[in-house]
C-alpha atoms as a PDB file:
ATOM      1  CA  MET A   1     -17.183  25.065   7.184  1.00  0.00           C
ATOM      2  CA  SER A   2     -16.569  21.348   6.749  1.00  0.00           C
ATOM      3  CA  VAL A   3     -19.019  18.687   7.843  1.00  0.00           C
ATOM      4  CA  LEU A   4     -17.166  15.426   7.348  1.00  0.00           C
ATOM      5  CA  VAL A   5     -19.442  12.397   7.687  1.00  0.00           C
ATOM      6  CA  ASN A   6     -18.778   8.675   7.738  1.00  0.00           C
ATOM      7  CA  PHE A   7     -21.864   6.483   7.667  1.00  0.00           C
ATOM      8  CA  ALA A   8     -23.253   3.070   6.879  1.00  0.00           C
ATOM      9  CA  MET A   9     -26.905   2.342   6.181  1.00  0.00           C
ATOM     10  CA  PHE A  10     -28.560  -0.836   4.957  1.00  0.00           C
ATOM     11  CA  PRO A  11     -31.676  -2.962   5.469  1.00  0.00           C
ATOM     12  CA  THR A  12     -31.383  -5.890   7.847  1.00  0.00           C
ATOM     13  CA  ASP A  13     -34.362  -7.791   6.432  1.00  0.00           C
ATOM     14  CA  SER A  14     -32.895  -8.591   3.001  1.00  0.00           C
ATOM     15  CA  GLY A  15     -30.450 -11.421   3.557  1.00  0.00           C
ATOM     16  CA  THR A  16     -26.708 -11.367   4.030  1.00  0.00           C
ATOM     17  CA  SER A  17     -25.775  -9.382   0.918  1.00  0.00           C
ATOM     18  CA  VAL A  18     -26.865  -5.746   0.984  1.00  0.00           C
ATOM     19  CA  SER A  19     -24.676  -4.395  -1.833  1.00  0.00           C
ATOM     20  CA  LYS A  20     -27.755  -3.908  -4.017  1.00  0.00           C
ATOM     21  CA  TYR A  21     -29.164  -1.412  -1.511  1.00  0.00           C
ATOM     22  CA  VAL A  22     -25.837   0.230  -0.684  1.00  0.00           C
ATOM     23  CA  SER A  23     -25.288   0.717  -4.430  1.00  0.00           C
ATOM     24  CA  GLU A  24     -28.528   2.695  -4.670  1.00  0.00           C
ATOM     25  CA  ILE A  25     -27.320   5.023  -1.919  1.00  0.00           C
ATOM     26  CA  ILE A  26     -23.872   5.445  -3.485  1.00  0.00           C
ATOM     27  CA  LYS A  27     -25.443   6.222  -6.864  1.00  0.00           C
ATOM     28  CA  MET A  28     -27.625   8.906  -5.262  1.00  0.00           C
ATOM     29  CA  ILE A  29     -24.603  10.464  -3.503  1.00  0.00           C
ATOM     30  CA  ASP A  30     -22.565  10.363  -6.710  1.00  0.00           C
ATOM     31  CA  GLU A  31     -25.349  12.069  -8.665  1.00  0.00           C
ATOM     32  CA  SER A  32     -25.627  14.762  -5.960  1.00  0.00           C
ATOM     33  CA  GLY A  33     -22.123  16.014  -6.756  1.00  0.00           C
ATOM     34  CA  ILE A  34     -21.088  15.893  -3.106  1.00  0.00           C
ATOM     35  CA  PRO A  35     -17.513  14.615  -2.661  1.00  0.00           C
ATOM     36  CA  TYR A  36     -17.447  11.115  -1.194  1.00  0.00           C
ATOM     37  CA  LYS A  37     -15.230   8.083  -0.702  1.00  0.00           C
ATOM     38  CA  LEU A  38     -16.449   4.525  -0.408  1.00  0.00           C
ATOM     39  CA  ASN A  39     -14.702   2.273   2.101  1.00  0.00           C
ATOM     40  CA  PRO A  40     -15.292  -1.375   3.055  1.00  0.00           C
ATOM     41  CA  MET A  41     -17.369  -0.472   6.121  1.00  0.00           C
ATOM     42  CA  GLY A  42     -19.219   2.636   4.947  1.00  0.00           C
ATOM     43  CA  THR A  43     -19.038   5.856   3.005  1.00  0.00           C
ATOM     44  CA  SER A  44     -17.446   9.192   3.849  1.00  0.00           C
ATOM     45  CA  PHE A  45     -18.678  12.460   2.385  1.00  0.00           C
ATOM     46  CA  GLU A  46     -18.163  16.158   3.028  1.00  0.00           C
ATOM     47  CA  THR A  47     -20.642  19.033   2.915  1.00  0.00           C
ATOM     48  CA  GLU A  48     -20.416  22.715   3.797  1.00  0.00           C
ATOM     49  CA  THR A  49     -23.337  22.671   6.257  1.00  0.00           C
ATOM     50  CA  MET A  50     -24.929  20.323   8.760  1.00  0.00           C
ATOM     51  CA  LYS A  51     -28.246  20.834   6.973  1.00  0.00           C
ATOM     52  CA  GLU A  52     -26.771  19.438   3.730  1.00  0.00           C
ATOM     53  CA  ALA A  53     -25.238  16.473   5.575  1.00  0.00           C
ATOM     54  CA  LEU A  54     -28.486  15.600   7.332  1.00  0.00           C
ATOM     55  CA  HIS A  55     -30.410  15.967   4.082  1.00  0.00           C
ATOM     56  CA  LEU A  56     -28.124  13.418   2.410  1.00  0.00           C
ATOM     57  CA  ILE A  57     -28.575  11.008   5.327  1.00  0.00           C
ATOM     58  CA  GLU A  58     -32.350  11.450   5.065  1.00  0.00           C
ATOM     59  CA  LYS A  59     -32.298  10.858   1.289  1.00  0.00           C
ATOM     60  CA  SER A  60     -30.316   7.678   1.933  1.00  0.00           C
ATOM     61  CA  TYR A  61     -32.926   6.482   4.397  1.00  0.00           C
ATOM     62  CA  LEU A  62     -35.764   7.287   1.997  1.00  0.00           C
ATOM     63  CA  LEU A  63     -34.248   4.818  -0.476  1.00  0.00           C
ATOM     64  CA  LEU A  64     -34.670   2.099   2.172  1.00  0.00           C
ATOM     65  CA  GLU A  65     -37.796   3.183   4.029  1.00  0.00           C
ATOM     66  CA  ASN A  66     -39.945   0.354   2.625  1.00  0.00           C
ATOM     67  CA  HIS A  67     -37.910  -2.206   4.558  1.00  0.00           C
ATOM     68  CA  LYS A  68     -39.058  -3.455   7.956  1.00  0.00           C
ATOM     69  CA  ARG A  69     -35.718  -2.669   9.567  1.00  0.00           C
ATOM     70  CA  VAL A  70     -32.825  -0.391   8.603  1.00  0.00           C
ATOM     71  CA  TYR A  71     -29.446  -0.242  10.350  1.00  0.00           C
ATOM     72  CA  ALA A  72     -27.537   3.052  10.346  1.00  0.00           C
ATOM     73  CA  VAL A  73     -24.458   4.409  12.034  1.00  0.00           C
ATOM     74  CA  VAL A  74     -23.284   7.988  11.452  1.00  0.00           C
ATOM     75  CA  ASN A  75     -20.191   9.876  12.626  1.00  0.00           C
ATOM     76  CA  PHE A  76     -19.720  13.635  12.183  1.00  0.00           C
ATOM     77  CA  ASP A  77     -16.531  15.710  12.376  1.00  0.00           C
ATOM     78  CA  ILE A  78     -17.478  19.383  12.075  1.00  0.00           C
ATOM     79  CA  GLN A  79     -14.865  22.102  11.734  1.00  0.00           C
ATOM     80  CA  LYS A  80     -15.753  25.712  11.007  1.00  0.00           C
ATOM     81  CA  ASP A  81     -12.456  27.014   9.641  1.00  0.00           C
ATOM     82  CA  LYS A  82     -11.595  24.235   7.147  1.00  0.00           C
ATOM     83  CA  THR A  83     -12.713  22.812   3.811  1.00  0.00           C
ATOM     84  CA  ASN A  84     -11.755  19.813   1.646  1.00  0.00           C
ATOM     85  CA  ARG A  85     -10.908  17.660   4.634  1.00  0.00           C
ATOM     86  CA  ILE A  86     -12.118  14.547   2.827  1.00  0.00           C
ATOM     87  CA  ASN A  87      -8.787  14.753   0.966  1.00  0.00           C
ATOM     88  CA  SER A  88      -6.560  16.774   3.271  1.00  0.00           C
ATOM     89  CA  LYS A  89      -6.865  14.409   6.259  1.00  0.00           C
ATOM     90  CA  THR A  90      -5.457  11.514   4.224  1.00  0.00           C
ATOM     91  CA  LYS A  91      -2.818  13.749   2.630  1.00  0.00           C
ATOM     92  CA  SER A  92      -1.646  14.839   6.092  1.00  0.00           C
ATOM     93  CA  ILE A  93      -0.882  11.207   6.986  1.00  0.00           C
ATOM     94  CA  GLU A  94       0.759  10.548   3.617  1.00  0.00           C
ATOM     95  CA  ASP A  95       2.988  13.610   4.104  1.00  0.00           C
ATOM     96  CA  LYS A  96       4.265  11.965   7.277  1.00  0.00           C
ATOM     97  CA  ILE A  97       4.602   8.291   6.248  1.00  0.00           C
ATOM     98  CA  GLY A  98       4.233   8.141   2.473  1.00  0.00           C
ATOM     99  CA  LYS A  99       1.530   6.660   0.277  1.00  0.00           C
ATOM    100  CA  VAL A 100      -1.171   4.658   2.067  1.00  0.00           C
ATOM    101  CA  LYS A 101      -3.554   2.057   0.673  1.00  0.00           C
ATOM    102  CA  LYS A 102      -6.924   3.500  -0.295  1.00  0.00           C
END
């Protein structure tokens, strides 16, 4: 199974630059060994179960829970008969139109 997730999470009570807090989340994801890709508006990652995906979202929140307000948006694309979609979805487009900017 593939649980493909795109999310953004950051505190809203820490000024206009939140890269310090986003960096903590990215470091945690990187250290988890879960495949991910950073993009300008969030982070995509892929797990084998919904439980794993939700656990990673919760761990991200726990890094920010001391803030008065945290913004989060999460999108899921769950497909039972596929794996490695974090790479194959982009490859499918590139097979049709050639290399894309990443």
